[in-house]
Amino acid sequence: MYRPPYLELLQTIRSAADSSHWPLEFDAHVEDSVESRWMERATAGAFLDVVIAVGVALTLTSLLDLDVPGRLVLLGLLGGACADTALRYRVLSRREA
């Protein structure tokens, strides 16, 4: 009987998660500290920046009929989001410290 390889991977992940008793849902009672609020504000602002950047990039690639590799786009998106979050966090921590 043929069994797709991804089913074995999913079963392995599920059994590892079940055996380690990791919580599979978000804990809403995270320690409320100044740093966690800075990170929340930084990630919220970075998400908005990413949405705007994706919209602009999509418009430009459509209008200019550019053929850009998907891996390059995803790498740029991830790098930009990380850099944006780090920069926003640093500015918030210096401004409010």
N, C-alpha and C. Protein backbone atom coordinates (compact mmCIF):
# COMPACT_ATOMS: atom_id res chain seq x y z
N MET A 1 0.85 -1.18 0.00
CA MET A 1 0.00 0.00 0.00
C MET A 1 0.90 1.25 0.00
N TYR A 2 0.61 2.16 -0.91
CA TYR A 2 1.40 3.40 -1.02
C TYR A 2 0.99 4.37 0.07
N ARG A 3 1.99 4.92 0.71
CA ARG A 3 1.74 5.92 1.75
C ARG A 3 2.61 7.13 1.44
N PRO A 4 1.99 8.29 1.19
CA PRO A 4 2.78 9.49 0.86
C PRO A 4 3.74 9.84 1.99
N PRO A 5 4.94 10.32 1.65
CA PRO A 5 5.94 10.63 2.68
C PRO A 5 5.51 11.72 3.66
N TYR A 6 4.68 12.66 3.19
CA TYR A 6 4.29 13.74 4.09
C TYR A 6 3.41 13.25 5.23
N LEU A 7 2.69 12.13 5.03
CA LEU A 7 1.87 11.60 6.12
C LEU A 7 2.74 11.07 7.26
N GLU A 8 3.87 10.46 6.91
CA GLU A 8 4.79 9.99 7.95
C GLU A 8 5.39 11.16 8.71
N LEU A 9 5.71 12.24 7.99
CA LEU A 9 6.24 13.43 8.65
C LEU A 9 5.22 14.03 9.61
N LEU A 10 3.98 14.14 9.16
CA LEU A 10 2.93 14.69 10.02
C LEU A 10 2.70 13.81 11.24
N GLN A 11 2.74 12.50 11.06
CA GLN A 11 2.56 11.60 12.19
C GLN A 11 3.71 11.73 13.19
N THR A 12 4.92 11.90 12.69
CA THR A 12 6.08 12.07 13.56
C THR A 12 5.97 13.37 14.36
N ILE A 13 5.59 14.44 13.68
CA ILE A 13 5.45 15.73 14.37
C ILE A 13 4.35 15.65 15.42
N ARG A 14 3.24 15.00 15.07
CA ARG A 14 2.12 14.90 16.00
C ARG A 14 2.52 14.09 17.23
N SER A 15 3.20 12.97 17.01
CA SER A 15 3.59 12.14 18.16
C SER A 15 4.61 12.86 19.03
N ALA A 16 5.51 13.63 18.42
CA ALA A 16 6.49 14.39 19.22
C ALA A 16 5.79 15.46 20.04
N ALA A 17 4.82 16.13 19.45
CA ALA A 17 4.10 17.17 20.19
C ALA A 17 3.25 16.56 21.30
N ASP A 18 2.64 15.41 21.03
CA ASP A 18 1.82 14.76 22.05
C ASP A 18 2.66 14.25 23.21
N SER A 19 3.83 13.69 22.90
CA SER A 19 4.65 13.11 23.97
C SER A 19 5.34 14.16 24.82
N SER A 20 5.59 15.32 24.27
CA SER A 20 6.29 16.34 25.04
C SER A 20 5.33 17.26 25.79
N HIS A 21 4.06 17.12 25.53
CA HIS A 21 3.02 17.93 26.19
C HIS A 21 3.22 19.42 25.99
N TRP A 22 3.64 19.79 24.79
CA TRP A 22 3.77 21.20 24.48
C TRP A 22 2.39 21.82 24.35
N PRO A 23 2.21 23.03 24.84
CA PRO A 23 0.91 23.68 24.62
C PRO A 23 0.78 24.06 23.15
N LEU A 24 -0.33 23.69 22.56
CA LEU A 24 -0.54 23.96 21.15
C LEU A 24 -1.40 25.20 20.92
N GLU A 25 -1.69 25.91 21.96
CA GLU A 25 -2.45 27.14 21.80
C GLU A 25 -1.70 28.31 22.42
N PHE A 26 -2.08 29.50 22.04
CA PHE A 26 -1.40 30.71 22.50
C PHE A 26 -1.74 30.99 23.96
N ASP A 27 -0.74 31.30 24.73
CA ASP A 27 -0.93 31.65 26.13
C ASP A 27 -1.18 33.15 26.23
N ALA A 28 -2.38 33.52 26.60
CA ALA A 28 -2.75 34.94 26.66
C ALA A 28 -2.21 35.63 27.90
N HIS A 29 -1.66 34.88 28.83
CA HIS A 29 -1.18 35.47 30.08
C HIS A 29 0.34 35.54 30.10
N VAL A 30 0.89 36.09 29.05
CA VAL A 30 2.33 36.28 28.99
C VAL A 30 2.71 37.41 29.94
N GLU A 31 3.90 37.32 30.48
CA GLU A 31 4.36 38.35 31.39
C GLU A 31 4.22 39.73 30.75
N ASP A 32 3.52 40.61 31.40
CA ASP A 32 3.31 41.96 30.87
C ASP A 32 4.44 42.85 31.36
N SER A 33 5.37 43.12 30.46
CA SER A 33 6.50 43.96 30.81
C SER A 33 6.63 45.05 29.76
N VAL A 34 7.49 45.99 30.04
CA VAL A 34 7.72 47.08 29.10
C VAL A 34 8.27 46.53 27.79
N GLU A 35 9.19 45.57 27.92
CA GLU A 35 9.80 44.99 26.72
C GLU A 35 8.79 44.26 25.85
N SER A 36 7.85 43.55 26.47
CA SER A 36 6.84 42.84 25.68
C SER A 36 5.91 43.82 24.98
N ARG A 37 5.61 44.94 25.63
CA ARG A 37 4.79 45.97 24.96
C ARG A 37 5.55 46.64 23.82
N TRP A 38 6.84 46.86 24.00
CA TRP A 38 7.65 47.42 22.90
C TRP A 38 7.66 46.47 21.71
N MET A 39 7.84 45.17 22.00
CA MET A 39 7.88 44.19 20.91
C MET A 39 6.52 44.10 20.21
N GLU A 40 5.46 44.18 20.98
CA GLU A 40 4.11 44.13 20.38
C GLU A 40 3.90 45.33 19.45
N ARG A 41 4.29 46.50 19.92
CA ARG A 41 4.14 47.70 19.08
C ARG A 41 5.05 47.64 17.86
N ALA A 42 6.27 47.13 18.03
CA ALA A 42 7.21 47.03 16.91
C ALA A 42 6.71 46.06 15.85
N THR A 43 6.21 44.91 16.26
CA THR A 43 5.73 43.93 15.30
C THR A 43 4.45 44.40 14.61
N ALA A 44 3.59 45.12 15.33
CA ALA A 44 2.38 45.64 14.70
C ALA A 44 2.73 46.67 13.62
N GLY A 45 3.66 47.54 13.92
CA GLY A 45 4.08 48.53 12.92
C GLY A 45 4.80 47.89 11.75
N ALA A 46 5.62 46.88 12.02
CA ALA A 46 6.34 46.20 10.95
C ALA A 46 5.39 45.43 10.05
N PHE A 47 4.33 44.86 10.63
CA PHE A 47 3.35 44.14 9.81
C PHE A 47 2.67 45.09 8.83
N LEU A 48 2.31 46.27 9.30
CA LEU A 48 1.69 47.25 8.41
C LEU A 48 2.67 47.65 7.30
N ASP A 49 3.94 47.84 7.65
CA ASP A 49 4.95 48.17 6.65
C ASP A 49 5.09 47.06 5.61
N VAL A 50 5.05 45.80 6.06
CA VAL A 50 5.17 44.67 5.14
C VAL A 50 3.97 44.62 4.19
N VAL A 51 2.79 44.83 4.71
CA VAL A 51 1.59 44.83 3.86
C VAL A 51 1.68 45.92 2.80
N ILE A 52 2.11 47.10 3.18
CA ILE A 52 2.25 48.21 2.22
C ILE A 52 3.34 47.89 1.21
N ALA A 53 4.47 47.35 1.67
CA ALA A 53 5.57 47.02 0.75
C ALA A 53 5.17 45.94 -0.24
N VAL A 54 4.41 44.94 0.21
CA VAL A 54 3.95 43.89 -0.69
C VAL A 54 2.99 44.46 -1.72
N GLY A 55 2.11 45.36 -1.32
CA GLY A 55 1.20 46.00 -2.26
C GLY A 55 1.93 46.81 -3.31
N VAL A 56 2.91 47.57 -2.88
CA VAL A 56 3.69 48.38 -3.83
C VAL A 56 4.49 47.48 -4.77
N ALA A 57 5.12 46.44 -4.22
CA ALA A 57 5.91 45.52 -5.04
C ALA A 57 5.04 44.78 -6.05
N LEU A 58 3.87 44.37 -5.62
CA LEU A 58 2.95 43.68 -6.53
C LEU A 58 2.50 44.60 -7.65
N THR A 59 2.22 45.84 -7.32
CA THR A 59 1.81 46.82 -8.34
C THR A 59 2.94 47.06 -9.33
N LEU A 60 4.15 47.25 -8.82
CA LEU A 60 5.28 47.51 -9.71
C LEU A 60 5.60 46.32 -10.61
N THR A 61 5.58 45.11 -10.05
CA THR A 61 5.88 43.95 -10.87
C THR A 61 4.80 43.70 -11.92
N SER A 62 3.58 44.07 -11.59
CA SER A 62 2.49 43.92 -12.57
C SER A 62 2.60 44.96 -13.67
N LEU A 63 2.87 46.20 -13.30
CA LEU A 63 2.95 47.28 -14.29
C LEU A 63 4.19 47.16 -15.17
N LEU A 64 5.31 46.76 -14.58
CA LEU A 64 6.56 46.67 -15.33
C LEU A 64 6.78 45.29 -15.94
N ASP A 65 5.86 44.36 -15.70
CA ASP A 65 5.92 43.00 -16.22
C ASP A 65 7.26 42.33 -15.90
N LEU A 66 7.64 42.39 -14.61
CA LEU A 66 8.89 41.79 -14.16
C LEU A 66 8.69 40.33 -13.78
N ASP A 67 9.69 39.52 -14.03
CA ASP A 67 9.66 38.11 -13.64
C ASP A 67 10.70 37.92 -12.53
N VAL A 68 10.23 37.87 -11.29
CA VAL A 68 11.11 37.78 -10.13
C VAL A 68 10.95 36.39 -9.51
N PRO A 69 12.05 35.70 -9.19
CA PRO A 69 11.96 34.38 -8.55
C PRO A 69 11.28 34.46 -7.18
N GLY A 70 10.45 33.48 -6.90
CA GLY A 70 9.70 33.46 -5.64
C GLY A 70 10.58 33.39 -4.41
N ARG A 71 11.67 32.63 -4.48
CA ARG A 71 12.58 32.52 -3.33
C ARG A 71 13.21 33.86 -2.99
N LEU A 72 13.55 34.60 -4.01
CA LEU A 72 14.16 35.91 -3.80
C LEU A 72 13.16 36.86 -3.14
N VAL A 73 11.93 36.80 -3.58
CA VAL A 73 10.88 37.66 -3.00
C VAL A 73 10.66 37.31 -1.53
N LEU A 74 10.54 36.02 -1.24
CA LEU A 74 10.30 35.60 0.14
C LEU A 74 11.48 35.92 1.05
N LEU A 75 12.70 35.75 0.54
CA LEU A 75 13.88 36.09 1.31
C LEU A 75 13.93 37.59 1.61
N GLY A 76 13.62 38.39 0.62
CA GLY A 76 13.58 39.84 0.82
C GLY A 76 12.50 40.25 1.79
N LEU A 77 11.35 39.60 1.71
CA LEU A 77 10.24 39.90 2.61
C LEU A 77 10.59 39.55 4.04
N LEU A 78 11.18 38.39 4.23
CA LEU A 78 11.58 37.97 5.58
C LEU A 78 12.66 38.87 6.15
N GLY A 79 13.67 39.16 5.35
CA GLY A 79 14.75 40.04 5.81
C GLY A 79 14.26 41.44 6.12
N GLY A 80 13.40 41.96 5.26
CA GLY A 80 12.85 43.29 5.49
C GLY A 80 11.99 43.35 6.74
N ALA A 81 11.18 42.33 6.96
CA ALA A 81 10.32 42.30 8.15
C ALA A 81 11.15 42.22 9.43
N CYS A 82 12.20 41.39 9.41
CA CYS A 82 13.07 41.26 10.60
C CYS A 82 13.81 42.57 10.88
N ALA A 83 14.34 43.17 9.83
CA ALA A 83 15.07 44.43 10.01
C ALA A 83 14.14 45.54 10.48
N ASP A 84 12.94 45.59 9.92
CA ASP A 84 11.97 46.61 10.31
C ASP A 84 11.57 46.45 11.77
N THR A 85 11.32 45.21 12.20
CA THR A 85 10.95 44.96 13.59
C THR A 85 12.09 45.33 14.54
N ALA A 86 13.30 44.94 14.19
CA ALA A 86 14.45 45.26 15.05
C ALA A 86 14.66 46.76 15.16
N LEU A 87 14.54 47.46 14.05
CA LEU A 87 14.72 48.92 14.06
C LEU A 87 13.63 49.60 14.88
N ARG A 88 12.39 49.17 14.70
CA ARG A 88 11.30 49.76 15.47
C ARG A 88 11.46 49.49 16.97
N TYR A 89 11.87 48.27 17.32
CA TYR A 89 12.07 47.93 18.73
C TYR A 89 13.18 48.80 19.33
N ARG A 90 14.25 48.96 18.58
CA ARG A 90 15.36 49.77 19.09
C ARG A 90 14.94 51.22 19.30
N VAL A 91 14.20 51.78 18.34
CA VAL A 91 13.73 53.16 18.48
C VAL A 91 12.79 53.30 19.68
N LEU A 92 11.86 52.36 19.83
CA LEU A 92 10.93 52.42 20.97
C LEU A 92 11.67 52.29 22.30
N SER A 93 12.64 51.38 22.36
CA SER A 93 13.34 51.19 23.63
C SER A 93 14.20 52.41 23.99
N ARG A 94 14.77 53.06 23.01
CA ARG A 94 15.57 54.26 23.31
C ARG A 94 14.68 55.46 23.63
N ARG A 95 13.55 55.55 22.95
CA ARG A 95 12.66 56.69 23.17
C ARG A 95 11.99 56.63 24.53
N GLU A 96 11.60 55.43 24.97
CA GLU A 96 10.83 55.30 26.21
C GLU A 96 11.65 54.82 27.39
N ALA A 97 12.95 54.64 27.23
CA ALA A 97 13.77 54.16 28.35
C ALA A 97 14.20 55.31 29.23
